[in-house]
Amino acid sequence: MSRRPGRLVKRVEFCVFVCAILSPVGAVTFDTLEAIRRLRDAGFDEKQAETVVGVLSDAQSNLVTREHFDAKFAVVEAKMDKLSWMMGALIAIVAANFAKRFF
């Protein structure tokens, strides 16, 4: 394994990217000790393996659950419904003023 730091950063970024794509939405369990052991077996030294696992754990802690997403989406959807009613009322007022003035 190369000792260049840029290469390690690219590997960690790739691991985070793959983790983000493959992780299911919801509760994610992650066996850190097993991950460290597998990375050491693949050629990482102890410190590198712990760093990669730490980054992956941090990345997974920021995932959004389906329930949280649905709750936030419902709030946004309610605001959009309110906005569409307000825009409809505004258009009706403008149309009434236009009709009153020119007809």
Foldseek 3Di string as FASTA:
>chain_A
DDPDPVVLVVVLVVLLVVLVVPPDADDDDDDLVVQLVVVVVVPDDNVSSNVSSVSNVVSVVPGHHPVRVVVVVVVVVVVVVVVVVVVVVVVVVVVVVVVVVPD
